[in-house]
Protein backbone atom coordinates (compact mmCIF):
# COMPACT_ATOMS: atom_id res chain seq x y z
CA UNK A 1 14.39 -10.09 47.42
CA UNK A 2 16.80 -9.95 44.48
CA UNK A 3 16.23 -7.34 41.75
CA UNK A 4 15.23 -8.62 38.31
CA UNK A 5 17.69 -6.75 36.11
CA UNK A 6 16.67 -8.71 32.99
CA UNK A 7 13.24 -7.06 33.00
CA UNK A 8 14.78 -3.69 32.16
CA UNK A 9 13.14 -2.14 35.21
CA UNK A 10 15.65 -0.51 37.50
CA UNK A 11 15.18 -1.34 41.19
CA UNK A 12 14.07 1.50 43.45
CA UNK A 13 17.15 3.12 45.01
CA UNK A 14 15.52 3.32 48.43
CA UNK A 15 14.78 -0.41 48.36
CA UNK A 16 18.41 -1.49 47.83
CA UNK A 17 20.51 1.21 49.50
CA UNK A 18 20.21 2.22 53.13
CA UNK A 19 19.34 5.90 53.18
CA UNK A 20 19.04 8.29 56.11
CA UNK A 21 16.95 11.42 56.38
CA UNK A 22 18.09 14.99 56.81
CA UNK A 23 17.73 14.89 60.61
CA UNK A 24 20.15 11.97 60.84
CA UNK A 25 22.56 13.74 58.47
CA UNK A 26 22.62 16.73 60.83
CA UNK A 27 23.78 14.42 63.64
CA UNK A 28 26.32 12.65 61.44
CA UNK A 29 27.90 15.79 59.99
CA UNK A 30 27.53 18.46 62.67
CA UNK A 31 25.89 20.78 60.15
CA UNK A 32 22.91 22.93 61.11
CA UNK A 33 19.66 22.55 59.20
CA UNK A 34 20.30 25.84 57.41
CA UNK A 35 23.83 24.79 56.42
CA UNK A 36 22.61 21.43 55.11
CA UNK A 37 19.90 23.10 53.00
CA UNK A 38 22.41 25.70 51.78
CA UNK A 39 24.97 23.08 50.70
CA UNK A 40 22.57 20.49 49.26
CA UNK A 41 19.68 22.53 47.82
CA UNK A 42 20.45 26.19 47.33
CA UNK A 43 24.07 25.91 46.18
CA UNK A 44 23.82 22.35 44.91
CA UNK A 45 27.28 21.61 46.28
CA UNK A 46 26.50 17.99 47.19
CA UNK A 47 23.04 16.81 46.16
CA UNK A 48 20.99 14.37 48.25
CA UNK A 49 20.49 10.89 46.77
CA UNK A 50 16.71 11.34 46.92
CA UNK A 51 15.63 15.00 47.05
CA UNK A 52 12.59 15.93 49.11
CA UNK A 53 9.61 15.69 46.77
CA UNK A 54 7.52 18.25 48.65
CA UNK A 55 7.79 20.73 51.46
CA UNK A 56 7.97 19.09 54.87
CA UNK A 57 9.47 15.86 53.52
CA UNK A 58 13.08 14.96 54.33
CA UNK A 59 15.67 14.47 51.63
CA UNK A 60 17.38 11.08 51.79
CA UNK A 61 21.15 10.51 51.80
CA UNK A 62 23.29 7.42 51.18
CA UNK A 63 26.53 6.75 53.04
CA UNK A 64 28.73 8.07 50.19
CA UNK A 65 26.87 11.39 50.21
CA UNK A 66 27.09 11.71 53.99
CA UNK A 67 30.81 10.88 53.79
CA UNK A 68 31.24 13.69 51.21
CA UNK A 69 29.37 16.10 53.47
CA UNK A 70 31.62 15.16 56.41
CA UNK A 71 34.70 15.72 54.24
CA UNK A 72 33.30 19.09 53.09
CA UNK A 73 32.89 20.08 56.75
CA UNK A 74 36.55 19.24 57.38
CA UNK A 75 37.69 21.23 54.34
CA UNK A 76 35.60 24.23 55.42
CA UNK A 77 36.35 24.19 59.15
CA UNK A 78 39.94 22.95 59.36
CA UNK A 79 41.38 24.15 56.07
CA UNK A 80 39.12 27.19 55.48
CA UNK A 81 38.42 26.16 51.89
CA UNK A 82 35.68 28.06 50.07
CA UNK A 83 33.52 25.14 48.98
CA UNK A 84 31.38 26.70 46.25
CA UNK A 85 34.41 27.49 44.11
CA UNK A 86 35.47 23.84 44.24
CA UNK A 87 32.15 22.13 43.61
CA UNK A 88 33.64 20.17 40.66
CA UNK A 89 36.02 18.63 43.17
CA UNK A 90 33.05 17.17 45.07
CA UNK A 91 31.65 15.74 41.84
CA UNK A 92 35.01 14.03 41.24
CA UNK A 93 35.06 12.70 44.80
CA UNK A 94 31.49 11.41 44.45
CA UNK A 95 32.51 9.54 41.28
CA UNK A 96 35.48 8.02 43.11
CA UNK A 97 33.32 6.83 46.00
CA UNK A 98 30.48 5.65 43.78
CA UNK A 99 32.20 2.48 42.65
CA UNK A 100 33.60 1.45 46.02
CA UNK A 101 32.14 -0.62 48.80
CA UNK A 102 32.09 0.65 52.36
CA UNK A 103 34.63 -1.90 53.71
CA UNK A 104 36.97 -1.32 50.76
CA UNK A 105 37.60 2.27 51.93
CA UNK A 106 39.04 1.39 55.36
CA UNK A 107 42.60 2.67 55.57
CA UNK A 108 42.19 4.95 52.54
CA UNK A 109 42.63 8.71 52.30
CA UNK A 110 41.13 11.21 49.94
CA UNK A 111 43.98 13.16 48.37
CA UNK A 112 43.09 16.61 47.05
CA UNK A 113 45.76 17.95 44.72
CA UNK A 114 45.94 21.73 44.44
CA UNK A 115 42.19 21.94 45.10
CA UNK A 116 41.72 20.91 41.45
CA UNK A 117 41.56 17.13 41.39
CA UNK A 118 41.32 14.27 43.85
CA UNK A 119 42.08 10.59 44.14
CA UNK A 120 41.84 7.82 46.70
CA UNK A 121 45.11 6.66 48.20
CA UNK A 122 45.37 3.18 49.69
CA UNK A 123 46.87 2.43 53.09
CA UNK A 124 50.42 2.16 51.74
CA UNK A 125 50.25 4.76 48.97
CA UNK A 126 51.86 8.17 49.28
CA UNK A 127 51.20 11.23 47.15
CA UNK A 128 53.91 12.54 44.87
CA UNK A 129 56.37 14.70 46.80
CA UNK A 130 56.37 17.46 44.19
CA UNK A 131 52.64 18.38 44.50
CA UNK A 132 50.70 20.24 47.13
CA UNK A 133 48.08 17.95 48.59
CA UNK A 134 45.48 17.84 51.33
CA UNK A 135 45.04 14.35 52.74
CA UNK A 136 41.75 13.49 54.41
CA UNK A 137 41.83 10.22 56.35
CA UNK A 138 38.58 8.28 55.95
CA UNK A 139 38.65 5.89 58.92
CA UNK A 140 37.19 8.27 61.53
CA UNK A 141 34.41 9.22 59.11
CA UNK A 142 33.69 5.60 58.22
CA UNK A 143 33.57 4.73 61.92
CA UNK A 144 30.96 7.47 62.52
CA UNK A 145 28.95 6.34 59.49
CA UNK A 146 29.02 2.69 60.53
CA UNK A 147 27.24 3.68 63.74
CA UNK A 148 24.94 6.23 62.10
CA UNK A 149 23.76 3.82 59.42
CA UNK A 150 23.06 1.07 61.93
CA UNK A 151 26.15 -1.11 61.50
CA UNK A 152 27.18 -2.13 65.01
CA UNK A 153 30.92 -2.28 64.31
CA UNK A 154 33.09 -1.39 61.35
CA UNK A 155 33.16 -4.18 58.82
CA UNK A 156 36.56 -5.83 58.83
CA UNK A 157 38.20 -8.88 57.33
CA UNK A 158 37.13 -12.05 59.07
CA UNK A 159 39.96 -14.15 60.52
CA UNK A 160 40.92 -17.06 58.32
CA UNK A 161 41.23 -20.63 59.52
CA UNK A 162 44.75 -22.03 59.42
CA UNK A 163 45.48 -24.17 56.39
CA UNK A 164 45.69 -27.88 57.08
CA UNK A 165 48.38 -29.74 55.20
CA UNK A 166 47.41 -32.79 53.14
CA UNK A 167 49.67 -35.74 52.66
CA UNK A 168 50.31 -36.68 49.07
CA UNK A 169 52.34 -39.76 49.84
CA UNK A 170 49.51 -42.19 50.66
CA UNK A 171 50.21 -45.62 49.22
CA UNK A 172 48.05 -46.79 46.35
CA UNK A 173 46.12 -49.92 47.21
CA UNK A 174 43.99 -51.26 44.42
CA UNK A 175 41.94 -50.36 41.43
CA UNK A 176 38.19 -50.92 41.79
CA UNK A 177 36.03 -50.34 38.73
CA UNK A 178 38.64 -48.11 37.17
CA UNK A 179 38.94 -45.85 40.25
CA UNK A 180 42.12 -45.66 42.24
CA UNK A 181 41.59 -46.32 45.95
CA UNK A 182 44.12 -44.96 48.44
CA UNK A 183 44.79 -46.35 51.85
CA UNK A 184 44.45 -44.09 54.83
CA UNK A 185 47.18 -44.08 57.45
CA UNK A 186 46.98 -47.16 59.62
CA UNK A 187 44.99 -49.40 57.28
CA UNK A 188 43.18 -50.01 54.05
CA UNK A 189 40.45 -47.79 52.64
């Protein structure tokens, strides 16, 4: 079903974006239930895409949000960054990821400059040498998400068929009804 955007009614987020519940997010991020609640609800560090509407219901998370949570885990565990102080950084990162497709991020890195701003660097881009930067490679996280969101294998570029050359030197044969007819090799058309 294709959304009718002309009607002015926005399609339901859950209908068009694959979301996973809190239990799946725990498996995908390695966070405990208490940590996930602390980061997403109490501190509001990274909000779920669809908050739980009542007690006992799971919040729902899209792949970009789960990717941000995985990156936050890396910053906290490997780099010992105090996350709450840098919550604006996660808002910037969410904006960066919001306009990108899942396959478009393969080979990219999230560059965090001085824990103040961030940008996405492509496969062949390097950060400026005169700035302190933390680089977070996305491929391992995207690989985990591709399995966690039900994609069997990472989405990659399909192989292209080899181009077949066309001959432009076919002899002209005759004009029929104003249309030029060309002869194929070995005979008349």
